[in-house]
Amino acid sequence: MTFEEWVKLYEKKSGDKHKVPGGAQTLWDERRGYAQFLLSADKTVLAIEETCGDGKFWYDWAIKFCREHNIPKFCTTCTRNILPYLRGMGGKITKKEIQPERHNGYKIEGVTHEGLRFLCWPRWWDEEKQRNAYYVVIEVLK
């Protein structure tokens, strides 16, 4: 698919309008989709912004990129159901607390398929989808 076709798919599936945050770089693959990323000023966090396509591919890309550049963690936002997302990425939940003040969203701690720590917590409430979007922070360096 072309980049423009991926963007149309993103807008259709998410209901959001495609945007590029200031300073973000976009990676695109005709088979895998696209991802946008930013690096924190202190170079300790890779922020994965809007993505569409093969989520596992972009997850693996972020881990590799962080390790190659000695970046300890990356973060992203999950706008889908968080629990299947975490399972799909090979995560194991070690602690899950309900946060009533955040529409009963979860604060989640766990380990990745490599035994490294991840954290999740509600970022915003999506009224249309009637669910929370979540910050997901994943440590990649031991």
N, C-alpha and C. Protein backbone atom coordinates (compact mmCIF):
# COMPACT_ATOMS: atom_id res chain seq x y z
N MET A 1 0.84 -1.19 0.00
CA MET A 1 0.00 0.00 0.00
C MET A 1 0.88 1.25 0.00
N THR A 2 0.37 2.31 -0.56
CA THR A 2 1.10 3.57 -0.52
C THR A 2 0.95 4.18 0.87
N PHE A 3 1.80 5.16 1.17
CA PHE A 3 1.68 5.86 2.46
C PHE A 3 0.29 6.48 2.59
N GLU A 4 -0.19 7.08 1.52
CA GLU A 4 -1.51 7.72 1.55
C GLU A 4 -2.62 6.70 1.83
N GLU A 5 -2.48 5.49 1.29
CA GLU A 5 -3.47 4.45 1.57
C GLU A 5 -3.42 4.02 3.03
N TRP A 6 -2.22 3.94 3.60
CA TRP A 6 -2.10 3.62 5.03
C TRP A 6 -2.75 4.70 5.87
N VAL A 7 -2.55 5.96 5.50
CA VAL A 7 -3.15 7.06 6.26
C VAL A 7 -4.67 6.98 6.20
N LYS A 8 -5.22 6.70 5.03
CA LYS A 8 -6.68 6.55 4.90
C LYS A 8 -7.19 5.41 5.78
N LEU A 9 -6.44 4.30 5.81
CA LEU A 9 -6.82 3.18 6.67
C LEU A 9 -6.78 3.59 8.13
N TYR A 10 -5.73 4.30 8.54
CA TYR A 10 -5.62 4.79 9.92
C TYR A 10 -6.84 5.65 10.28
N GLU A 11 -7.18 6.59 9.43
CA GLU A 11 -8.30 7.48 9.71
C GLU A 11 -9.62 6.72 9.77
N LYS A 12 -9.79 5.73 8.90
CA LYS A 12 -11.02 4.93 8.90
C LYS A 12 -11.12 4.09 10.18
N LYS A 13 -10.03 3.40 10.54
CA LYS A 13 -10.06 2.51 11.70
C LYS A 13 -10.11 3.26 13.03
N SER A 14 -9.36 4.36 13.11
CA SER A 14 -9.25 5.06 14.40
C SER A 14 -10.33 6.13 14.59
N GLY A 15 -10.84 6.65 13.48
CA GLY A 15 -11.77 7.77 13.57
C GLY A 15 -11.05 9.08 13.83
N ASP A 16 -9.72 9.05 13.87
CA ASP A 16 -8.91 10.25 14.10
C ASP A 16 -8.40 10.78 12.78
N LYS A 17 -8.09 12.07 12.77
CA LYS A 17 -7.48 12.70 11.61
C LYS A 17 -5.96 12.55 11.71
N HIS A 18 -5.32 12.13 10.64
CA HIS A 18 -3.86 11.99 10.60
C HIS A 18 -3.20 13.35 10.85
N LYS A 19 -2.20 13.33 11.70
CA LYS A 19 -1.42 14.54 11.95
C LYS A 19 0.01 14.13 12.25
N VAL A 20 0.92 15.06 12.02
CA VAL A 20 2.33 14.82 12.30
C VAL A 20 2.75 15.79 13.40
N PRO A 21 3.05 15.28 14.60
CA PRO A 21 3.49 16.17 15.67
C PRO A 21 4.78 16.89 15.27
N GLY A 22 4.95 18.12 15.73
CA GLY A 22 6.15 18.88 15.42
C GLY A 22 7.41 18.12 15.76
N GLY A 23 8.31 18.03 14.83
CA GLY A 23 9.58 17.35 15.06
C GLY A 23 9.56 15.85 14.86
N ALA A 24 8.39 15.28 14.60
CA ALA A 24 8.30 13.82 14.43
C ALA A 24 8.84 13.40 13.07
N GLN A 25 9.44 12.23 13.06
CA GLN A 25 9.88 11.61 11.81
C GLN A 25 8.91 10.46 11.50
N THR A 26 8.70 10.22 10.23
CA THR A 26 7.78 9.16 9.82
C THR A 26 8.55 8.07 9.10
N LEU A 27 8.30 6.84 9.52
CA LEU A 27 8.82 5.66 8.84
C LEU A 27 7.65 4.99 8.14
N TRP A 28 7.88 4.50 6.94
CA TRP A 28 6.81 3.86 6.18
C TRP A 28 7.35 2.64 5.46
N ASP A 29 6.55 1.60 5.44
CA ASP A 29 6.86 0.38 4.71
C ASP A 29 5.58 -0.04 4.00
N GLU A 30 5.65 -0.32 2.72
CA GLU A 30 4.42 -0.59 1.95
C GLU A 30 3.65 -1.79 2.47
N ARG A 31 4.35 -2.76 3.11
CA ARG A 31 3.68 -3.94 3.64
C ARG A 31 3.34 -3.81 5.13
N ARG A 32 4.11 -3.03 5.87
CA ARG A 32 4.00 -2.98 7.33
C ARG A 32 3.27 -1.75 7.87
N GLY A 33 3.06 -0.74 7.03
CA GLY A 33 2.38 0.47 7.49
C GLY A 33 3.35 1.59 7.81
N TYR A 34 3.00 2.39 8.80
CA TYR A 34 3.86 3.52 9.14
C TYR A 34 3.86 3.76 10.64
N ALA A 35 4.89 4.46 11.07
CA ALA A 35 5.00 4.89 12.46
C ALA A 35 5.70 6.23 12.49
N GLN A 36 5.29 7.06 13.44
CA GLN A 36 5.94 8.35 13.66
C GLN A 36 6.65 8.28 15.00
N PHE A 37 7.81 8.92 15.07
CA PHE A 37 8.54 8.89 16.33
C PHE A 37 9.25 10.20 16.61
N LEU A 38 9.45 10.43 17.90
CA LEU A 38 10.19 11.58 18.41
C LEU A 38 11.16 11.08 19.46
N LEU A 39 12.24 11.79 19.65
CA LEU A 39 13.20 11.47 20.69
C LEU A 39 13.17 12.58 21.73
N SER A 40 13.11 12.22 23.02
CA SER A 40 13.09 13.24 24.07
C SER A 40 14.38 14.06 24.02
N ALA A 41 14.31 15.29 24.52
CA ALA A 41 15.46 16.19 24.48
C ALA A 41 16.69 15.60 25.15
N ASP A 42 16.47 14.84 26.24
CA ASP A 42 17.62 14.24 26.94
C ASP A 42 17.99 12.86 26.38
N LYS A 43 17.33 12.45 25.31
CA LYS A 43 17.62 11.19 24.60
C LYS A 43 17.47 9.95 25.47
N THR A 44 16.51 10.00 26.41
CA THR A 44 16.27 8.83 27.26
C THR A 44 14.96 8.11 26.93
N VAL A 45 14.14 8.71 26.07
CA VAL A 45 12.85 8.10 25.72
C VAL A 45 12.57 8.31 24.24
N LEU A 46 12.23 7.22 23.57
CA LEU A 46 11.74 7.28 22.20
C LEU A 46 10.22 7.27 22.29
N ALA A 47 9.58 8.29 21.76
CA ALA A 47 8.12 8.36 21.77
C ALA A 47 7.60 7.92 20.40
N ILE A 48 6.84 6.84 20.40
CA ILE A 48 6.19 6.37 19.18
C ILE A 48 4.81 7.01 19.15
N GLU A 49 4.57 7.80 18.14
CA GLU A 49 3.31 8.52 18.03
C GLU A 49 2.33 7.69 17.19
N GLU A 50 1.71 8.30 16.24
CA GLU A 50 0.71 7.64 15.41
C GLU A 50 1.31 6.47 14.63
N THR A 51 0.62 5.34 14.66
CA THR A 51 1.05 4.16 13.89
C THR A 51 -0.16 3.52 13.21
N CYS A 52 0.12 2.82 12.14
CA CYS A 52 -0.91 2.04 11.46
C CYS A 52 -0.22 0.87 10.79
N GLY A 53 -0.83 -0.28 10.89
CA GLY A 53 -0.28 -1.46 10.23
C GLY A 53 0.11 -2.52 11.23
N ASP A 54 1.27 -3.09 11.02
CA ASP A 54 1.77 -4.22 11.80
C ASP A 54 2.37 -3.73 13.12
N GLY A 55 1.56 -3.73 14.16
CA GLY A 55 1.99 -3.22 15.46
C GLY A 55 3.19 -3.97 16.02
N LYS A 56 3.24 -5.27 15.84
CA LYS A 56 4.37 -6.05 16.34
C LYS A 56 5.66 -5.67 15.63
N PHE A 57 5.57 -5.41 14.34
CA PHE A 57 6.74 -4.97 13.58
C PHE A 57 7.28 -3.66 14.14
N TRP A 58 6.39 -2.68 14.39
CA TRP A 58 6.83 -1.37 14.90
C TRP A 58 7.32 -1.48 16.34
N TYR A 59 6.74 -2.37 17.12
CA TYR A 59 7.22 -2.64 18.48
C TYR A 59 8.65 -3.17 18.43
N ASP A 60 8.89 -4.16 17.59
CA ASP A 60 10.23 -4.73 17.45
C ASP A 60 11.21 -3.68 16.91
N TRP A 61 10.75 -2.85 15.97
CA TRP A 61 11.60 -1.79 15.44
C TRP A 61 12.03 -0.84 16.56
N ALA A 62 11.08 -0.45 17.42
CA ALA A 62 11.38 0.49 18.52
C ALA A 62 12.42 -0.11 19.47
N ILE A 63 12.29 -1.38 19.80
CA ILE A 63 13.27 -2.03 20.68
C ILE A 63 14.65 -2.00 20.03
N LYS A 64 14.72 -2.37 18.78
CA LYS A 64 16.01 -2.40 18.08
C LYS A 64 16.61 -0.99 18.01
N PHE A 65 15.81 -0.01 17.64
CA PHE A 65 16.29 1.37 17.53
C PHE A 65 16.83 1.87 18.87
N CYS A 66 16.06 1.62 19.93
CA CYS A 66 16.50 2.06 21.26
C CYS A 66 17.83 1.41 21.64
N ARG A 67 17.96 0.15 21.40
CA ARG A 67 19.20 -0.55 21.77
C ARG A 67 20.39 -0.05 20.94
N GLU A 68 20.16 0.18 19.67
CA GLU A 68 21.24 0.68 18.82
C GLU A 68 21.71 2.07 19.22
N HIS A 69 20.80 2.86 19.82
CA HIS A 69 21.11 4.24 20.19
C HIS A 69 21.20 4.45 21.71
N ASN A 70 21.24 3.35 22.46
CA ASN A 70 21.38 3.39 23.91
C ASN A 70 20.28 4.24 24.59
N ILE A 71 19.07 4.06 24.12
CA ILE A 71 17.90 4.75 24.69
C ILE A 71 17.21 3.76 25.61
N PRO A 72 17.07 4.07 26.91
CA PRO A 72 16.59 3.08 27.88
C PRO A 72 15.13 2.63 27.73
N LYS A 73 14.27 3.45 27.13
CA LYS A 73 12.86 3.06 27.06
C LYS A 73 12.15 3.76 25.92
N PHE A 74 11.03 3.20 25.56
CA PHE A 74 10.16 3.89 24.61
C PHE A 74 8.75 3.92 25.16
N CYS A 75 7.99 4.88 24.67
CA CYS A 75 6.59 4.98 25.09
C CYS A 75 5.73 5.13 23.85
N THR A 76 4.50 4.71 24.02
CA THR A 76 3.52 4.83 22.96
C THR A 76 2.15 5.00 23.61
N THR A 77 1.14 5.18 22.80
CA THR A 77 -0.23 5.24 23.29
C THR A 77 -1.02 4.14 22.63
N CYS A 78 -1.72 3.37 23.44
CA CYS A 78 -2.60 2.32 22.93
C CYS A 78 -4.02 2.84 22.97
N THR A 79 -4.66 2.95 21.80
CA THR A 79 -6.04 3.42 21.73
C THR A 79 -7.03 2.26 21.58
N ARG A 80 -6.50 1.06 21.56
CA ARG A 80 -7.34 -0.14 21.49
C ARG A 80 -7.50 -0.72 22.89
N ASN A 81 -8.14 -1.85 23.00
CA ASN A 81 -8.26 -2.51 24.31
C ASN A 81 -6.86 -2.89 24.79
N ILE A 82 -6.51 -2.45 25.97
CA ILE A 82 -5.13 -2.58 26.45
C ILE A 82 -4.73 -4.03 26.73
N LEU A 83 -5.59 -4.84 27.29
CA LEU A 83 -5.19 -6.19 27.68
C LEU A 83 -4.83 -7.06 26.47
N PRO A 84 -5.64 -7.11 25.40
CA PRO A 84 -5.21 -7.87 24.21
C PRO A 84 -3.95 -7.29 23.58
N TYR A 85 -3.79 -5.97 23.62
CA TYR A 85 -2.59 -5.33 23.09
C TYR A 85 -1.35 -5.86 23.81
N LEU A 86 -1.41 -5.89 25.13
CA LEU A 86 -0.26 -6.36 25.91
C LEU A 86 0.04 -7.83 25.64
N ARG A 87 -1.01 -8.65 25.54
CA ARG A 87 -0.81 -10.07 25.23
C ARG A 87 -0.16 -10.21 23.85
N GLY A 88 -0.62 -9.43 22.89
CA GLY A 88 -0.08 -9.50 21.54
C GLY A 88 1.39 -9.13 21.47
N MET A 89 1.84 -8.29 22.38
CA MET A 89 3.24 -7.90 22.43
C MET A 89 4.07 -8.82 23.32
N GLY A 90 3.44 -9.87 23.84
CA GLY A 90 4.16 -10.84 24.66
C GLY A 90 4.33 -10.42 26.11
N GLY A 91 3.54 -9.45 26.56
CA GLY A 91 3.67 -8.97 27.93
C GLY A 91 2.97 -9.85 28.94
N LYS A 92 3.54 -9.89 30.14
CA LYS A 92 2.93 -10.62 31.25
C LYS A 92 2.63 -9.60 32.36
N ILE A 93 1.36 -9.51 32.75
CA ILE A 93 0.95 -8.55 33.78
C ILE A 93 1.32 -9.10 35.15
N THR A 94 1.98 -8.27 35.95
CA THR A 94 2.34 -8.66 37.31
C THR A 94 1.51 -7.92 38.35
N LYS A 95 0.93 -6.77 37.96
CA LYS A 95 0.10 -6.00 38.89
C LYS A 95 -0.89 -5.19 38.07
N LYS A 96 -2.16 -5.21 38.50
CA LYS A 96 -3.21 -4.47 37.81
C LYS A 96 -4.14 -3.87 38.85
N GLU A 97 -4.24 -2.54 38.84
CA GLU A 97 -5.11 -1.83 39.78
C GLU A 97 -6.13 -1.02 39.00
N ILE A 98 -7.38 -1.06 39.46
CA ILE A 98 -8.42 -0.24 38.84
C ILE A 98 -8.32 1.17 39.39
N GLN A 99 -8.45 2.14 38.51
CA GLN A 99 -8.42 3.54 38.89
C GLN A 99 -9.82 4.13 38.65
N PRO A 100 -10.66 4.15 39.70
CA PRO A 100 -12.03 4.62 39.53
C PRO A 100 -12.12 6.04 38.97
N GLU A 101 -11.18 6.89 39.35
CA GLU A 101 -11.21 8.28 38.88
C GLU A 101 -10.87 8.40 37.40
N ARG A 102 -10.41 7.33 36.78
CA ARG A 102 -10.07 7.32 35.36
C ARG A 102 -10.98 6.36 34.60
N HIS A 103 -12.29 6.46 34.85
CA HIS A 103 -13.28 5.60 34.19
C HIS A 103 -12.97 4.12 34.39
N ASN A 104 -12.52 3.78 35.59
CA ASN A 104 -12.17 2.40 35.93
C ASN A 104 -11.08 1.83 35.03
N GLY A 105 -10.22 2.71 34.54
CA GLY A 105 -9.06 2.26 33.76
C GLY A 105 -8.06 1.57 34.67
N TYR A 106 -7.13 0.90 34.07
CA TYR A 106 -6.14 0.15 34.82
C TYR A 106 -4.81 0.88 34.91
N LYS A 107 -4.17 0.72 36.04
CA LYS A 107 -2.74 1.01 36.17
C LYS A 107 -2.10 -0.38 36.16
N ILE A 108 -1.23 -0.61 35.20
CA ILE A 108 -0.70 -1.95 34.96
C ILE A 108 0.82 -1.94 35.03
N GLU A 109 1.36 -2.95 35.68
CA GLU A 109 2.80 -3.19 35.67
C GLU A 109 3.00 -4.61 35.15
N GLY A 110 4.12 -4.82 34.48
CA GLY A 110 4.38 -6.16 33.98
C GLY A 110 5.77 -6.29 33.42
N VAL A 111 5.99 -7.42 32.78
CA VAL A 111 7.28 -7.69 32.15
C VAL A 111 7.05 -8.08 30.69
N THR A 112 8.01 -7.72 29.86
CA THR A 112 7.94 -8.04 28.45
C THR A 112 8.33 -9.49 28.22
N HIS A 113 8.28 -9.93 26.99
CA HIS A 113 8.69 -11.29 26.64
C HIS A 113 10.16 -11.53 26.97
N GLU A 114 10.94 -10.45 27.17
CA GLU A 114 12.35 -10.56 27.54
C GLU A 114 12.58 -10.37 29.03
N GLY A 115 11.49 -10.21 29.78
CA GLY A 115 11.62 -10.04 31.23
C GLY A 115 11.92 -8.61 31.66
N LEU A 116 11.77 -7.64 30.76
CA LEU A 116 11.99 -6.24 31.10
C LEU A 116 10.67 -5.58 31.49
N ARG A 117 10.73 -4.55 32.26
CA ARG A 117 9.55 -3.92 32.87
C ARG A 117 8.77 -3.06 31.87
N PHE A 118 7.44 -3.08 32.02
CA PHE A 118 6.59 -2.11 31.32
C PHE A 118 5.55 -1.58 32.30
N LEU A 119 5.07 -0.39 32.00
CA LEU A 119 4.03 0.28 32.80
C LEU A 119 2.97 0.83 31.85
N CYS A 120 1.72 0.81 32.31
CA CYS A 120 0.61 1.39 31.54
C CYS A 120 -0.31 2.13 32.50
N TRP A 121 -0.90 3.21 32.02
CA TRP A 121 -1.91 3.91 32.79
C TRP A 121 -2.76 4.73 31.83
N PRO A 122 -4.00 5.07 32.22
CA PRO A 122 -4.89 5.80 31.32
C PRO A 122 -4.33 7.16 30.91
N ARG A 123 -4.41 7.44 29.62
CA ARG A 123 -3.98 8.74 29.10
C ARG A 123 -5.17 9.67 28.90
N TRP A 124 -6.22 9.16 28.26
CA TRP A 124 -7.44 9.93 28.11
C TRP A 124 -8.61 8.98 27.95
N TRP A 125 -9.80 9.50 28.16
CA TRP A 125 -11.03 8.75 27.96
C TRP A 125 -11.57 9.08 26.58
N ASP A 126 -11.83 8.05 25.78
CA ASP A 126 -12.37 8.22 24.44
C ASP A 126 -13.89 8.04 24.54
N GLU A 127 -14.59 9.13 24.48
CA GLU A 127 -16.04 9.12 24.64
C GLU A 127 -16.72 8.29 23.56
N GLU A 128 -16.26 8.43 22.33
CA GLU A 128 -16.88 7.71 21.22
C GLU A 128 -16.69 6.19 21.35
N LYS A 129 -15.50 5.77 21.72
CA LYS A 129 -15.20 4.35 21.85
C LYS A 129 -15.57 3.79 23.22
N GLN A 130 -15.87 4.70 24.16
CA GLN A 130 -16.22 4.32 25.53
C GLN A 130 -15.13 3.45 26.17
N ARG A 131 -13.88 3.93 26.03
CA ARG A 131 -12.77 3.24 26.69
C ARG A 131 -11.59 4.21 26.83
N ASN A 132 -10.69 3.83 27.70
CA ASN A 132 -9.48 4.61 27.90
C ASN A 132 -8.47 4.33 26.80
N ALA A 133 -7.70 5.36 26.48
CA ALA A 133 -6.45 5.19 25.73
C ALA A 133 -5.37 5.14 26.80
N TYR A 134 -4.30 4.40 26.55
CA TYR A 134 -3.28 4.18 27.58
C TYR A 134 -1.89 4.60 27.14
N TYR A 135 -1.17 5.21 28.09
CA TYR A 135 0.28 5.33 27.95
C TYR A 135 0.85 3.94 28.14
N VAL A 136 1.84 3.59 27.36
CA VAL A 136 2.56 2.33 27.53
C VAL A 136 4.04 2.69 27.50
N VAL A 137 4.75 2.43 28.60
CA VAL A 137 6.18 2.71 28.69
C VAL A 137 6.90 1.37 28.84
N ILE A 138 7.86 1.13 27.96
CA ILE A 138 8.55 -0.16 27.93
C ILE A 138 10.05 0.06 28.06
N GLU A 139 10.64 -0.57 29.07
CA GLU A 139 12.08 -0.51 29.24
C GLU A 139 12.72 -1.51 28.28
N VAL A 140 13.83 -1.12 27.66
CA VAL A 140 14.45 -1.99 26.67
C VAL A 140 15.91 -2.31 26.96
N LEU A 141 16.51 -1.62 27.93
CA LEU A 141 17.90 -1.89 28.29
C LEU A 141 17.95 -2.55 29.65
N LYS A 142 18.80 -3.55 29.79
CA LYS A 142 18.95 -4.23 31.09
C LYS A 142 19.91 -3.49 31.96
